[in-house]
Protein backbone atom coordinates (compact mmCIF):
# COMPACT_ATOMS: atom_id res chain seq x y z
CA MET A 1 14.53 21.04 3.88
CA CYS A 2 13.80 22.08 7.47
CA ARG A 3 15.23 25.38 8.71
CA SER A 4 16.17 25.94 12.32
CA GLY A 5 13.16 27.03 14.35
CA TRP A 6 10.87 24.93 12.17
CA GLY A 7 11.55 21.67 14.05
CA ILE A 8 7.99 21.03 15.25
CA MET A 9 6.49 21.82 11.86
CA CYS A 10 8.99 19.53 10.14
CA LEU A 11 8.18 16.75 12.59
CA LEU A 12 4.45 17.14 11.91
CA LEU A 13 5.05 17.06 8.17
CA ALA A 14 7.10 13.89 8.57
CA ILE A 15 4.27 12.20 10.49
CA VAL A 16 1.29 13.54 8.54
CA GLY A 17 2.81 14.03 5.12
CA CYS A 18 3.37 17.09 3.02
CA ALA A 19 0.31 19.28 2.64
CA GLY A 20 -1.86 16.54 4.10
CA LYS A 21 -1.85 14.51 0.87
CA ARG A 22 -3.49 11.13 1.04
CA ASP A 23 -1.53 8.03 0.19
CA PRO A 24 -3.85 5.87 -1.97
CA ALA A 25 -2.36 2.69 -0.47
CA VAL A 26 -3.24 3.90 3.05
CA VAL A 27 -6.79 4.70 1.92
CA THR A 28 -7.08 1.18 0.49
CA ALA A 29 -5.81 -0.26 3.79
CA VAL A 30 -8.33 1.63 5.94
CA GLU A 31 -11.12 0.72 3.52
CA GLN A 32 -10.09 -2.93 3.97
CA ILE A 33 -10.31 -2.48 7.76
CA HIS A 34 -13.85 -1.15 7.39
CA LYS A 35 -14.77 -3.92 4.95
CA LEU A 36 -13.77 -6.44 7.62
CA GLY A 37 -16.02 -4.65 10.12
CA GLY A 38 -13.11 -3.20 12.06
CA THR A 39 -12.18 0.21 13.34
CA PHE A 40 -9.00 2.26 13.42
CA ILE A 41 -7.63 5.09 15.51
CA LEU A 42 -5.58 7.88 13.98
CA HIS A 43 -2.52 9.43 15.59
CA GLY A 44 -3.60 12.26 17.87
CA ALA A 45 -7.11 10.81 18.28
CA THR A 46 -8.73 8.68 20.95
CA ILE A 47 -12.02 7.82 19.25
CA PRO A 48 -12.02 5.04 16.64
CA VAL A 49 -13.29 5.61 13.10
CA LYS A 50 -16.08 3.05 12.77
CA PRO A 51 -17.28 1.17 9.68
CA GLY A 52 -19.57 3.27 7.52
CA ALA A 53 -18.22 6.55 8.91
CA PRO A 54 -16.68 8.90 6.35
CA LEU A 55 -12.91 8.97 6.30
CA PRO A 56 -11.37 12.09 7.85
CA SER A 57 -9.99 14.58 5.35
CA GLY A 58 -6.26 14.98 4.74
CA ALA A 59 -3.51 12.47 5.30
CA LEU A 60 -4.26 9.36 7.35
CA SER A 61 -1.76 8.19 9.95
CA VAL A 62 -3.20 5.10 11.64
CA ARG A 63 -2.01 4.34 15.18
CA GLU A 64 -4.14 1.29 16.03
CA ILE A 65 -6.53 -1.07 14.29
CA ASN A 66 -9.12 -3.33 15.85
CA LEU A 67 -10.72 -5.99 13.73
CA ASN A 68 -12.99 -7.09 16.57
CA GLN A 69 -11.40 -10.52 16.69
CA LYS A 70 -12.36 -11.27 13.09
CA LEU A 71 -10.38 -14.17 11.69
CA VAL A 72 -7.81 -12.30 9.66
CA ARG A 73 -5.86 -14.09 6.97
CA ASP A 74 -2.34 -13.43 5.74
CA ALA A 75 -3.45 -11.72 2.50
CA GLN A 76 -5.51 -9.20 4.47
CA LEU A 77 -2.46 -8.26 6.52
CA GLU A 78 -0.54 -7.71 3.33
CA VAL A 79 -3.07 -5.02 2.32
CA LEU A 80 -2.42 -3.27 5.65
CA LYS A 81 1.35 -2.95 5.00
CA PRO A 82 1.11 0.78 4.04
CA LEU A 83 0.12 1.60 7.63
CA LYS A 84 3.75 2.33 8.52
CA GLN A 85 2.88 4.27 11.70
CA LEU A 86 0.85 1.43 13.25
CA GLN A 87 1.71 1.02 16.95
CA GLU A 88 -0.83 -1.52 18.24
CA LEU A 89 -2.20 -4.67 16.65
CA PRO A 90 -4.69 -6.31 19.05
CA ARG A 91 -5.66 -9.95 18.71
CA GLN A 92 -6.74 -10.57 15.16
CA GLY A 93 -7.78 -14.20 15.19
CA SER A 94 -6.16 -17.52 14.59
CA HIS A 95 -5.77 -17.81 10.82
CA LEU A 96 -2.42 -16.03 10.70
CA THR A 97 0.59 -18.05 9.61
CA ASP A 98 4.31 -17.40 9.40
CA VAL A 99 3.63 -15.66 6.06
CA GLY A 100 1.30 -13.22 7.83
CA LEU A 101 4.00 -12.44 10.37
CA SER A 102 6.36 -11.60 7.52
CA HIS A 103 3.92 -8.79 6.60
CA ILE A 104 3.89 -7.51 10.18
CA GLN A 105 7.66 -6.96 10.09
CA ASP A 106 7.07 -3.80 8.02
CA PHE A 107 5.32 -2.09 10.96
CA LYS A 108 8.53 -0.59 12.38
CA GLN A 109 6.59 1.53 14.92
CA LEU A 110 4.67 -1.46 16.32
CA GLN A 111 4.82 -1.60 20.11
CA GLU A 112 2.10 -4.15 20.97
CA LEU A 113 1.24 -7.39 19.18
CA ASP A 114 -1.27 -9.98 20.35
CA LEU A 115 -0.96 -13.44 18.76
CA HIS A 116 -3.18 -15.17 21.35
CA LYS A 117 -4.55 -18.47 19.95
CA SER A 118 -2.59 -18.11 16.69
CA LEU A 119 -2.11 -21.84 16.21
CA HIS A 120 -0.57 -21.64 12.72
CA ILE A 121 2.46 -19.58 13.75
CA THR A 122 5.72 -21.41 14.38
CA ASP A 123 9.05 -20.54 15.95
CA LYS A 124 10.31 -19.79 12.43
CA GLY A 125 7.58 -17.19 11.95
CA LEU A 126 8.64 -15.38 15.12
CA GLU A 127 11.96 -14.62 13.41
CA SER A 128 10.11 -11.81 11.57
CA LEU A 129 9.57 -10.02 14.87
CA LYS A 130 13.26 -9.22 15.21
CA TYR A 131 12.65 -6.44 12.69
CA LEU A 132 10.30 -4.64 15.10
CA PRO A 133 12.64 -2.44 17.15
CA ARG A 134 9.88 -0.84 19.25
CA LEU A 135 7.97 -4.01 20.16
CA THR A 136 7.58 -4.07 23.95
CA LYS A 137 4.47 -6.22 24.45
CA LEU A 138 3.94 -9.60 22.81
CA GLU A 139 1.11 -12.00 23.69
CA LEU A 140 1.75 -15.66 22.78
CA SER A 141 -0.63 -17.55 25.08
CA TYR A 142 -2.37 -20.61 23.65
CA THR A 143 -0.02 -20.88 20.67
CA ARG A 144 2.26 -23.66 19.50
CA ILE A 145 5.40 -21.62 20.01
CA SER A 146 8.15 -23.48 21.81
CA ASP A 147 9.81 -22.28 25.00
CA LYS A 148 13.20 -21.73 23.36
């Protein structure tokens, strides 16, 4: 329970996690990013953690991932679901479907999503995006999404 005067510390604990404990699901997610040859940026950092680099110690709060335009499939996005603090998801390739978008709906902090050339996403799949309250930038060029 947070006492008055401890507001900043309580906020940090909410973002980072108590005592810097690692969530095994988050570790699995960042390992998957590296396995795909991608990088990720942690909250409070500006330099990406590259494949092969050791994971930083303590809790991991991922702000952005970049899979270097690898063709990501729906099942791979499902593994990334524990990254609850994710804010940016740059273009990830064209193998995503409506099922993949249903996994993205768990990223409640997501602000930017690039679906450029995602030819397997339909208008129905875009319904999942209504669960992203912070989404302010959405790229849909060269898709089969209708104008409605």
